[in-house]
Amino acid sequence: MASSSRTQPSIFEDFCQLILGLDESIRFAGIATLTGAVLATKYRTNLVPLLTEEETSSSIKHSVWRMESRRA
């Protein structure tokens, strides 16, 4: 099997791309675990992200925490 210099997108990245395709106003899609670990992220093509990678990760963790606190 020939190796590729480019890795194949994961099923999570494919799903993020599918979400972005639903509406032009969606700028970002991401998937995280209930502990806040980021599995995949995807930005709309030619988009300049408003947050750094670290800020995005922190925002996701905070969102997961808020979601979990509402479940109780």
C-alpha atoms as a PDB file:
ATOM      1  CA  MET A   1       0.000   0.000   0.000  1.00  0.00           C
ATOM      2  CA  ALA A   2       1.434   3.363  -0.986  1.00  0.00           C
ATOM      3  CA  SER A   3       1.830   5.918   1.752  1.00  0.00           C
ATOM      4  CA  SER A   4       0.395   9.373   1.384  1.00  0.00           C
ATOM      5  CA  SER A   5       1.905  12.591   2.660  1.00  0.00           C
ATOM      6  CA  ARG A   6      -1.617  13.781   3.424  1.00  0.00           C
ATOM      7  CA  THR A   7      -3.689  11.971   6.012  1.00  0.00           C
ATOM      8  CA  GLN A   8      -7.274  11.050   5.318  1.00  0.00           C
ATOM      9  CA  PRO A   9      -9.903  13.111   7.141  1.00  0.00           C
ATOM     10  CA  SER A  10     -11.461  11.370  10.109  1.00  0.00           C
ATOM     11  CA  ILE A  11     -15.158  10.597  10.259  1.00  0.00           C
ATOM     12  CA  PHE A  12     -15.432  13.501  12.725  1.00  0.00           C
ATOM     13  CA  GLU A  13     -13.791  15.928  10.290  1.00  0.00           C
ATOM     14  CA  ASP A  14     -16.106  14.678   7.549  1.00  0.00           C
ATOM     15  CA  PHE A  15     -19.074  15.294   9.843  1.00  0.00           C
ATOM     16  CA  CYS A  16     -17.843  18.821  10.604  1.00  0.00           C
ATOM     17  CA  GLN A  17     -17.602  19.466   6.860  1.00  0.00           C
ATOM     18  CA  LEU A  18     -21.160  18.190   6.450  1.00  0.00           C
ATOM     19  CA  ILE A  19     -22.344  20.625   9.138  1.00  0.00           C
ATOM     20  CA  LEU A  20     -20.583  23.533   7.408  1.00  0.00           C
ATOM     21  CA  GLY A  21     -22.380  22.608   4.204  1.00  0.00           C
ATOM     22  CA  LEU A  22     -25.804  23.016   5.794  1.00  0.00           C
ATOM     23  CA  ASP A  23     -25.798  26.806   5.850  1.00  0.00           C
ATOM     24  CA  GLU A  24     -23.489  29.564   4.623  1.00  0.00           C
ATOM     25  CA  SER A  25     -23.724  31.373   7.967  1.00  0.00           C
ATOM     26  CA  ILE A  26     -22.058  28.506   9.864  1.00  0.00           C
ATOM     27  CA  ARG A  27     -18.427  29.543  10.329  1.00  0.00           C
ATOM     28  CA  PHE A  28     -17.149  26.714  12.522  1.00  0.00           C
ATOM     29  CA  ALA A  29     -18.024  23.151  13.430  1.00  0.00           C
ATOM     30  CA  GLY A  30     -16.351  21.085  16.102  1.00  0.00           C
ATOM     31  CA  ILE A  31     -16.786  17.814  17.937  1.00  0.00           C
ATOM     32  CA  ALA A  32     -15.665  17.257  21.513  1.00  0.00           C
ATOM     33  CA  THR A  33     -16.040  14.597  24.175  1.00  0.00           C
ATOM     34  CA  LEU A  34     -17.943  15.173  27.403  1.00  0.00           C
ATOM     35  CA  THR A  35     -14.606  15.915  29.065  1.00  0.00           C
ATOM     36  CA  GLY A  36     -13.909  18.710  26.587  1.00  0.00           C
ATOM     37  CA  ALA A  37     -11.304  16.863  24.527  1.00  0.00           C
ATOM     38  CA  VAL A  38     -11.504  18.162  20.961  1.00  0.00           C
ATOM     39  CA  LEU A  39     -11.884  15.380  18.387  1.00  0.00           C
ATOM     40  CA  ALA A  40     -12.215  17.533  15.276  1.00  0.00           C
ATOM     41  CA  THR A  41     -12.679  21.118  14.184  1.00  0.00           C
ATOM     42  CA  LYS A  42     -13.364  22.672  10.816  1.00  0.00           C
ATOM     43  CA  TYR A  43     -13.627  26.281   9.694  1.00  0.00           C
ATOM     44  CA  ARG A  44     -15.375  27.539   6.591  1.00  0.00           C
ATOM     45  CA  THR A  45     -12.977  27.826   3.651  1.00  0.00           C
ATOM     46  CA  ASN A  46     -11.156  31.178   3.394  1.00  0.00           C
ATOM     47  CA  LEU A  47     -12.307  32.165   6.864  1.00  0.00           C
ATOM     48  CA  VAL A  48      -9.999  33.931   9.280  1.00  0.00           C
ATOM     49  CA  PRO A  49     -10.724  32.421  12.726  1.00  0.00           C
ATOM     50  CA  LEU A  50     -11.678  34.922  15.418  1.00  0.00           C
ATOM     51  CA  LEU A  51     -10.099  32.805  18.177  1.00  0.00           C
ATOM     52  CA  THR A  52      -6.700  31.186  18.459  1.00  0.00           C
ATOM     53  CA  GLU A  53      -6.517  27.393  18.657  1.00  0.00           C
ATOM     54  CA  GLU A  54      -5.968  27.665  22.417  1.00  0.00           C
ATOM     55  CA  GLU A  55      -8.945  30.022  22.840  1.00  0.00           C
ATOM     56  CA  THR A  56     -11.128  27.697  20.774  1.00  0.00           C
ATOM     57  CA  SER A  57     -10.153  24.733  22.947  1.00  0.00           C
ATOM     58  CA  SER A  58     -10.867  26.722  26.101  1.00  0.00           C
ATOM     59  CA  SER A  59     -14.228  27.852  24.731  1.00  0.00           C
ATOM     60  CA  ILE A  60     -15.191  24.271  23.896  1.00  0.00           C
ATOM     61  CA  LYS A  61     -14.253  23.079  27.393  1.00  0.00           C
ATOM     62  CA  HIS A  62     -16.290  25.893  28.923  1.00  0.00           C
ATOM     63  CA  SER A  63     -19.279  25.023  26.716  1.00  0.00           C
ATOM     64  CA  VAL A  64     -19.091  21.361  27.736  1.00  0.00           C
ATOM     65  CA  TRP A  65     -18.915  22.390  31.396  1.00  0.00           C
ATOM     66  CA  ARG A  66     -22.006  24.613  30.997  1.00  0.00           C
ATOM     67  CA  MET A  67     -23.887  21.836  29.213  1.00  0.00           C
ATOM     68  CA  GLU A  68     -23.010  19.333  31.933  1.00  0.00           C
ATOM     69  CA  SER A  69     -24.026  21.741  34.711  1.00  0.00           C
ATOM     70  CA  ARG A  70     -27.492  22.076  33.164  1.00  0.00           C
ATOM     71  CA  ARG A  71     -28.025  18.314  33.150  1.00  0.00           C
ATOM     72  CA  ALA A  72     -27.953  18.045  36.927  1.00  0.00           C
END
